């Protein structure tokens, strides 16, 4: 056993694909299932003496920063692709959010729209039932699922049915 975290030998490992639609939540669930199975196999192989410890490589090691509350705020001047990745990384918790009409609104699912737009970042550029496109620093982001402050997570369609938005409305940073 090594005194530092994540420096000991590897007893058994496997890889798991990360799909474009995966979020922190979906990946955590997948890893929990795969990890549980791997733990059972590792214990069986330890008991039978068929596991060979392998030292961990330090090549390519990087440290992820601790997520702070300030990091949860969506910065609309970033690219649509960057924002989509950040939303996926923070979904379902701690949750990426923006401010709309003075209230916090979490964005839990979004996709990149293959159009450019030309408005100021954070501006709603297109709204129709089930559609809310927002201008980013580079490209458009389609907001698909939201978590209004004090409410349940809902589709953008359900949100718009009760809280209409118009082109020109602004999401604030």
C-alpha atoms as a PDB file:
ATOM      1  CA  UNK A   1       0.000   0.000   0.000  1.00  0.00           C
ATOM      2  CA  UNK A   2       1.296   3.416  -0.964  1.00  0.00           C
ATOM      3  CA  UNK A   3       0.905   6.491   1.267  1.00  0.00           C
ATOM      4  CA  UNK A   4      -0.487   8.700  -1.548  1.00  0.00           C
ATOM      5  CA  UNK A   5      -3.860   8.269  -3.227  1.00  0.00           C
ATOM      6  CA  UNK A   6      -3.878   6.718  -6.722  1.00  0.00           C
ATOM      7  CA  UNK A   7      -0.232   5.640  -6.645  1.00  0.00           C
ATOM      8  CA  UNK A   8      -0.515   1.951  -5.740  1.00  0.00           C
ATOM      9  CA  UNK A   9      -0.256  -1.005  -8.074  1.00  0.00           C
ATOM     10  CA  UNK A  10      -3.089  -1.907 -10.438  1.00  0.00           C
ATOM     11  CA  UNK A  11      -4.550  -5.333  -9.753  1.00  0.00           C
ATOM     12  CA  UNK A  12      -7.102  -5.429 -12.559  1.00  0.00           C
ATOM     13  CA  UNK A  13      -8.532  -2.846 -14.934  1.00  0.00           C
ATOM     14  CA  UNK A  14     -10.905  -2.429 -17.821  1.00  0.00           C
ATOM     15  CA  UNK A  15     -11.900   0.422 -20.104  1.00  0.00           C
ATOM     16  CA  UNK A  16     -15.313   1.919 -20.565  1.00  0.00           C
ATOM     17  CA  UNK A  17     -16.314   3.941 -23.639  1.00  0.00           C
ATOM     18  CA  UNK A  18     -17.540   7.477 -23.063  1.00  0.00           C
ATOM     19  CA  UNK A  19     -20.394   8.221 -25.456  1.00  0.00           C
ATOM     20  CA  UNK A  20     -21.177  11.725 -26.772  1.00  0.00           C
ATOM     21  CA  UNK A  21     -24.440  11.827 -24.799  1.00  0.00           C
ATOM     22  CA  UNK A  22     -22.903  10.625 -21.498  1.00  0.00           C
ATOM     23  CA  UNK A  23     -23.088  12.901 -18.477  1.00  0.00           C
ATOM     24  CA  UNK A  24     -21.344  12.769 -15.138  1.00  0.00           C
ATOM     25  CA  UNK A  25     -24.415  10.959 -13.800  1.00  0.00           C
ATOM     26  CA  UNK A  26     -24.657   8.338 -16.547  1.00  0.00           C
ATOM     27  CA  UNK A  27     -20.920   7.693 -16.471  1.00  0.00           C
ATOM     28  CA  UNK A  28     -20.909   7.363 -12.662  1.00  0.00           C
ATOM     29  CA  UNK A  29     -23.713   4.773 -12.895  1.00  0.00           C
ATOM     30  CA  UNK A  30     -21.861   2.812 -15.593  1.00  0.00           C
ATOM     31  CA  UNK A  31     -18.594   2.907 -13.644  1.00  0.00           C
ATOM     32  CA  UNK A  32     -20.345   1.761 -10.452  1.00  0.00           C
ATOM     33  CA  UNK A  33     -21.708  -1.321 -12.225  1.00  0.00           C
ATOM     34  CA  UNK A  34     -18.471  -2.114 -14.052  1.00  0.00           C
ATOM     35  CA  UNK A  35     -16.439  -1.412 -10.907  1.00  0.00           C
ATOM     36  CA  UNK A  36     -18.561  -3.745  -8.784  1.00  0.00           C
ATOM     37  CA  UNK A  37     -18.093  -6.570 -11.286  1.00  0.00           C
ATOM     38  CA  UNK A  38     -14.364  -5.852 -11.496  1.00  0.00           C
ATOM     39  CA  UNK A  39     -14.062  -5.873  -7.697  1.00  0.00           C
ATOM     40  CA  UNK A  40     -15.631  -9.333  -7.481  1.00  0.00           C
ATOM     41  CA  UNK A  41     -13.315 -10.624 -10.211  1.00  0.00           C
ATOM     42  CA  UNK A  42     -10.282  -9.046  -8.515  1.00  0.00           C
ATOM     43  CA  UNK A  43     -11.125 -10.647  -5.169  1.00  0.00           C
ATOM     44  CA  UNK A  44     -11.623 -14.034  -6.841  1.00  0.00           C
ATOM     45  CA  UNK A  45      -8.277 -13.730  -8.632  1.00  0.00           C
ATOM     46  CA  UNK A  46      -6.508 -12.579  -5.466  1.00  0.00           C
ATOM     47  CA  UNK A  47      -7.888 -15.606  -3.633  1.00  0.00           C
ATOM     48  CA  UNK A  48      -6.775 -17.973  -6.409  1.00  0.00           C
ATOM     49  CA  UNK A  49      -3.389 -16.253  -6.765  1.00  0.00           C
ATOM     50  CA  UNK A  50      -3.887 -15.422 -10.446  1.00  0.00           C
ATOM     51  CA  UNK A  51      -3.586 -11.643 -10.241  1.00  0.00           C
ATOM     52  CA  UNK A  52      -0.289  -9.879 -10.985  1.00  0.00           C
ATOM     53  CA  UNK A  53       0.070  -6.327  -9.622  1.00  0.00           C
ATOM     54  CA  UNK A  54       1.287  -3.810 -12.219  1.00  0.00           C
ATOM     55  CA  UNK A  55       2.783  -0.433 -11.212  1.00  0.00           C
ATOM     56  CA  UNK A  56       0.768   2.588 -12.339  1.00  0.00           C
ATOM     57  CA  UNK A  57       2.329   4.738 -15.015  1.00  0.00           C
ATOM     58  CA  UNK A  58       2.706   8.424 -14.232  1.00  0.00           C
ATOM     59  CA  UNK A  59       2.704   9.369 -17.926  1.00  0.00           C
ATOM     60  CA  UNK A  60      -0.213  11.566 -18.899  1.00  0.00           C
ATOM     61  CA  UNK A  61      -1.395  12.064 -15.315  1.00  0.00           C
ATOM     62  CA  UNK A  62      -3.389  15.248 -14.829  1.00  0.00           C
ATOM     63  CA  UNK A  63      -5.230  16.698 -11.884  1.00  0.00           C
ATOM     64  CA  UNK A  64      -8.781  17.945 -12.175  1.00  0.00           C
ATOM     65  CA  UNK A  65      -9.586  21.099 -10.233  1.00  0.00           C
ATOM     66  CA  UNK A  66     -12.157  21.051  -7.468  1.00  0.00           C
ATOM     67  CA  UNK A  67     -15.488  22.299  -8.846  1.00  0.00           C
ATOM     68  CA  UNK A  68     -16.327  25.607  -7.174  1.00  0.00           C
ATOM     69  CA  UNK A  69     -19.730  27.312  -7.205  1.00  0.00           C
ATOM     70  CA  UNK A  70     -18.352  29.933  -9.611  1.00  0.00           C
ATOM     71  CA  UNK A  71     -17.428  27.196 -12.080  1.00  0.00           C
ATOM     72  CA  UNK A  72     -21.080  26.104 -12.327  1.00  0.00           C
ATOM     73  CA  UNK A  73     -22.122  29.378 -13.966  1.00  0.00           C
ATOM     74  CA  UNK A  74     -22.372  29.083 -17.749  1.00  0.00           C
ATOM     75  CA  UNK A  75     -20.167  31.628 -19.521  1.00  0.00           C
ATOM     76  CA  UNK A  76     -22.041  32.335 -22.737  1.00  0.00           C
ATOM     77  CA  UNK A  77     -18.947  33.843 -24.379  1.00  0.00           C
ATOM     78  CA  UNK A  78     -17.479  30.322 -24.627  1.00  0.00           C
ATOM     79  CA  UNK A  79     -18.136  28.064 -27.613  1.00  0.00           C
ATOM     80  CA  UNK A  80     -21.314  25.993 -27.901  1.00  0.00           C
ATOM     81  CA  UNK A  81     -19.205  22.814 -27.881  1.00  0.00           C
ATOM     82  CA  UNK A  82     -17.397  23.879 -24.704  1.00  0.00           C
ATOM     83  CA  UNK A  83     -20.676  24.752 -22.969  1.00  0.00           C
ATOM     84  CA  UNK A  84     -22.245  21.441 -23.988  1.00  0.00           C
ATOM     85  CA  UNK A  85     -19.268  19.589 -22.512  1.00  0.00           C
ATOM     86  CA  UNK A  86     -19.464  21.591 -19.301  1.00  0.00           C
ATOM     87  CA  UNK A  87     -23.205  20.899 -18.973  1.00  0.00           C
ATOM     88  CA  UNK A  88     -22.550  17.164 -19.447  1.00  0.00           C
ATOM     89  CA  UNK A  89     -19.746  17.236 -16.861  1.00  0.00           C
ATOM     90  CA  UNK A  90     -21.947  18.890 -14.234  1.00  0.00           C
ATOM     91  CA  UNK A  91     -25.166  16.955 -14.882  1.00  0.00           C
ATOM     92  CA  UNK A  92     -27.043  16.028 -12.780  1.00  0.00           C
ATOM     93  CA  UNK A  93     -24.907  17.505  -9.967  1.00  0.00           C
ATOM     94  CA  UNK A  94     -23.615  19.966  -9.083  1.00  0.00           C
ATOM     95  CA  UNK A  95     -25.365  21.372 -12.211  1.00  0.00           C
ATOM     96  CA  UNK A  96     -24.412  24.081 -14.666  1.00  0.00           C
ATOM     97  CA  UNK A  97     -26.681  27.093 -14.498  1.00  0.00           C
ATOM     98  CA  UNK A  98     -27.464  30.512 -15.848  1.00  0.00           C
ATOM     99  CA  UNK A  99     -29.648  33.406 -14.754  1.00  0.00           C
ATOM    100  CA  UNK A 100     -32.895  34.202 -16.547  1.00  0.00           C
ATOM    101  CA  UNK A 101     -35.057  37.111 -15.431  1.00  0.00           C
ATOM    102  CA  UNK A 102     -33.193  37.238 -12.138  1.00  0.00           C
ATOM    103  CA  UNK A 103     -33.696  33.549 -11.323  1.00  0.00           C
ATOM    104  CA  UNK A 104     -31.279  30.648 -11.401  1.00  0.00           C
ATOM    105  CA  UNK A 105     -32.057  28.031 -14.035  1.00  0.00           C
ATOM    106  CA  UNK A 106     -30.009  24.867 -14.346  1.00  0.00           C
ATOM    107  CA  UNK A 107     -29.332  23.501 -17.806  1.00  0.00           C
ATOM    108  CA  UNK A 108     -29.018  19.730 -17.654  1.00  0.00           C
ATOM    109  CA  UNK A 109     -29.010  18.763 -21.340  1.00  0.00           C
ATOM    110  CA  UNK A 110     -28.097  20.651 -24.503  1.00  0.00           C
ATOM    111  CA  UNK A 111     -26.749  20.097 -27.994  1.00  0.00           C
ATOM    112  CA  UNK A 112     -24.758  22.096 -30.499  1.00  0.00           C
ATOM    113  CA  UNK A 113     -26.712  23.589 -33.399  1.00  0.00           C
ATOM    114  CA  UNK A 114     -24.815  23.502 -36.722  1.00  0.00           C
ATOM    115  CA  UNK A 115     -25.498  27.188 -37.381  1.00  0.00           C
ATOM    116  CA  UNK A 116     -23.537  30.295 -36.440  1.00  0.00           C
ATOM    117  CA  UNK A 117     -26.031  32.966 -35.375  1.00  0.00           C
ATOM    118  CA  UNK A 118     -24.969  36.575 -34.953  1.00  0.00           C
ATOM    119  CA  UNK A 119     -26.384  37.873 -31.676  1.00  0.00           C
ATOM    120  CA  UNK A 120     -24.624  38.708 -28.417  1.00  0.00           C
ATOM    121  CA  UNK A 121     -23.657  35.662 -26.324  1.00  0.00           C
ATOM    122  CA  UNK A 122     -26.508  34.522 -24.072  1.00  0.00           C
ATOM    123  CA  UNK A 123     -29.212  35.839 -26.406  1.00  0.00           C
ATOM    124  CA  UNK A 124     -32.123  33.556 -27.249  1.00  0.00           C
ATOM    125  CA  UNK A 125     -32.178  33.454 -31.059  1.00  0.00           C
ATOM    126  CA  UNK A 126     -34.942  30.951 -31.790  1.00  0.00           C
ATOM    127  CA  UNK A 127     -37.916  29.729 -29.780  1.00  0.00           C
ATOM    128  CA  UNK A 128     -40.739  27.415 -30.798  1.00  0.00           C
ATOM    129  CA  UNK A 129     -42.436  24.502 -29.037  1.00  0.00           C
ATOM    130  CA  UNK A 130     -39.596  22.328 -27.791  1.00  0.00           C
ATOM    131  CA  UNK A 131     -36.842  24.557 -29.192  1.00  0.00           C
ATOM    132  CA  UNK A 132     -34.681  27.167 -27.494  1.00  0.00           C
ATOM    133  CA  UNK A 133     -31.483  28.148 -29.285  1.00  0.00           C
ATOM    134  CA  UNK A 134     -29.033  30.414 -27.491  1.00  0.00           C
ATOM    135  CA  UNK A 135     -26.134  32.333 -29.010  1.00  0.00           C
ATOM    136  CA  UNK A 136     -22.726  31.490 -27.567  1.00  0.00           C
ATOM    137  CA  UNK A 137     -19.303  32.986 -28.188  1.00  0.00           C
ATOM    138  CA  UNK A 138     -18.975  30.529 -31.050  1.00  0.00           C
ATOM    139  CA  UNK A 139     -22.118  28.933 -32.463  1.00  0.00           C
ATOM    140  CA  UNK A 140     -25.556  28.138 -31.106  1.00  0.00           C
ATOM    141  CA  UNK A 141     -26.561  25.903 -28.214  1.00  0.00           C
ATOM    142  CA  UNK A 142     -29.936  24.126 -28.212  1.00  0.00           C
ATOM    143  CA  UNK A 143     -31.186  23.956 -24.626  1.00  0.00           C
ATOM    144  CA  UNK A 144     -33.041  20.637 -24.258  1.00  0.00           C
ATOM    145  CA  UNK A 145     -33.607  20.162 -20.528  1.00  0.00           C
ATOM    146  CA  UNK A 146     -33.692  22.635 -17.644  1.00  0.00           C
ATOM    147  CA  UNK A 147     -34.002  22.742 -13.866  1.00  0.00           C
ATOM    148  CA  UNK A 148     -35.761  25.944 -12.806  1.00  0.00           C
ATOM    149  CA  UNK A 149     -34.976  27.126  -9.290  1.00  0.00           C
ATOM    150  CA  UNK A 150     -37.236  25.322  -6.806  1.00  0.00           C
ATOM    151  CA  UNK A 151     -38.826  23.118  -9.493  1.00  0.00           C
ATOM    152  CA  UNK A 152     -38.250  19.685 -11.003  1.00  0.00           C
ATOM    153  CA  UNK A 153     -36.004  18.977 -13.983  1.00  0.00           C
ATOM    154  CA  UNK A 154     -38.073  19.287 -17.169  1.00  0.00           C
ATOM    155  CA  UNK A 155     -37.802  19.287 -20.929  1.00  0.00           C
ATOM    156  CA  UNK A 156     -37.485  22.654 -22.620  1.00  0.00           C
ATOM    157  CA  UNK A 157     -40.886  21.945 -24.193  1.00  0.00           C
ATOM    158  CA  UNK A 158     -42.520  21.691 -20.752  1.00  0.00           C
ATOM    159  CA  UNK A 159     -40.633  24.729 -19.500  1.00  0.00           C
ATOM    160  CA  UNK A 160     -41.701  26.871 -22.459  1.00  0.00           C
ATOM    161  CA  UNK A 161     -45.324  25.775 -22.055  1.00  0.00           C
ATOM    162  CA  UNK A 162     -45.450  27.513 -18.667  1.00  0.00           C
ATOM    163  CA  UNK A 163     -42.785  30.199 -19.017  1.00  0.00           C
ATOM    164  CA  UNK A 164     -42.647  31.545 -22.556  1.00  0.00           C
ATOM    165  CA  UNK A 165     -39.406  32.919 -23.966  1.00  0.00           C
ATOM    166  CA  UNK A 166     -38.936  35.108 -27.010  1.00  0.00           C
ATOM    167  CA  UNK A 167     -36.087  35.673 -29.414  1.00  0.00           C
ATOM    168  CA  UNK A 168     -34.024  38.471 -27.901  1.00  0.00           C
ATOM    169  CA  UNK A 169     -34.418  37.329 -24.274  1.00  0.00           C
ATOM    170  CA  UNK A 170     -31.068  36.978 -22.486  1.00  0.00           C
ATOM    171  CA  UNK A 171     -29.474  34.342 -20.308  1.00  0.00           C
ATOM    172  CA  UNK A 172     -27.066  36.089 -17.957  1.00  0.00           C
ATOM    173  CA  UNK A 173     -23.716  34.925 -16.646  1.00  0.00           C
END
